[in-house]
Amino acid sequence: MPCDPDELRHVPLFELLDDDEARVLAAQVEVARFSPRQRIFKAGDPAEHGYVVMSGKAQVTTTDEDQQEVVVDEPVHGDFFGFASMLQQTTHQMTAVALEETVCLEVGRDDIASLLTHRPAAGLDMLTVQARQFHATQKLIQARASRNANELIEEQSTFGQRIADAVARFGGSWTFIILFGVVLVVYSSLNTILRNHAWDPYPFILLNLFLSMLAAIQAPVIMMSQNRQDVKDRVRSELDFDVNRRAEAEIQALSHRLSLLMDKMEDVEDVVRNAVSPKMKPASHTGTEQSGD
């Protein structure tokens, strides 16, 4: 079923196309309808089409290294998916399923090629929209990469955990050691000087009771703080791993883009060389004739 050109105006990917360009593209693409829970494509299928959601909602998933399903995106009206594999002419790397009654535009590589043949300027419009999406994704990655582990941990801390950290921090400081030493010296000195009138004479049984109670309370609190430190270290390592993995993906993507650019430059060089060579040959031939005359 052909598409109405006016419907393309609601798609961000095609919103910059003029009326003629929209009509050319609408004549090429097809409208596909999917029932709830119907699979649009699965990983490993040939990527013959990319899809643009006109109505409804879909879900794009992939499988991680632990064979767990991960939701990558849930495109709604105006969003598109499956274009990367379609343009690269590879198999789909992800699986897409319609979550509800969904209507999509099926856009093939030949459809885009036909549009560019009739309207070459439309390619710049679509690249502009793709660049906006790329910059938005880049900003999201930068925001995720710049997360502060300490702030993230503090947001998830409970009131009791904060108290445990404060007690452990104070109990392991020189301030606590000095104050505690002063209290012990004053307490022992007073009870020694007062002798028979002392409230806790030597060997300071009441003081030993207080110290035992303090140690009994302080030990589990410090253990709680140590457990919290283990959690902090684990969160920091997970964030570092995420940053490294994203950096690796970005490096691979940049390397792939550089390879494509080099291929395109070589193609352009061949075209220029072929275009210049025929012009050079007649000039050389004319020069020969003139010299002969």
Foldseek 3Di string as FASTA:
>chain_A
DFDDLVLLCQALLQVPPDPVLSVLLSVPKDKDKDAAFAWPDAFPAFLFWKKAWQAAKKWKWAADPVRDIDTDDIDGHNDIDSVVRQCVRHTDRIIMTGRHTTMIITHGPVSVVSSCVVPVVSVVSSVVSVVVVVVVVVVVLVVLLPDDLVVVLVVVDDPLLVVLQVLLVVCPDPVVVVVVVVVVVVLQVVLDVVPVPHPQHPVRPVVVVVVVVCCVVNVVSPVSNVVSVVVSVVSVVVSVVVNVVVVVVVVVVVVVVVVVVVVVVVVVVVVVVVVVVVVVVVVVVVVVVVVVD
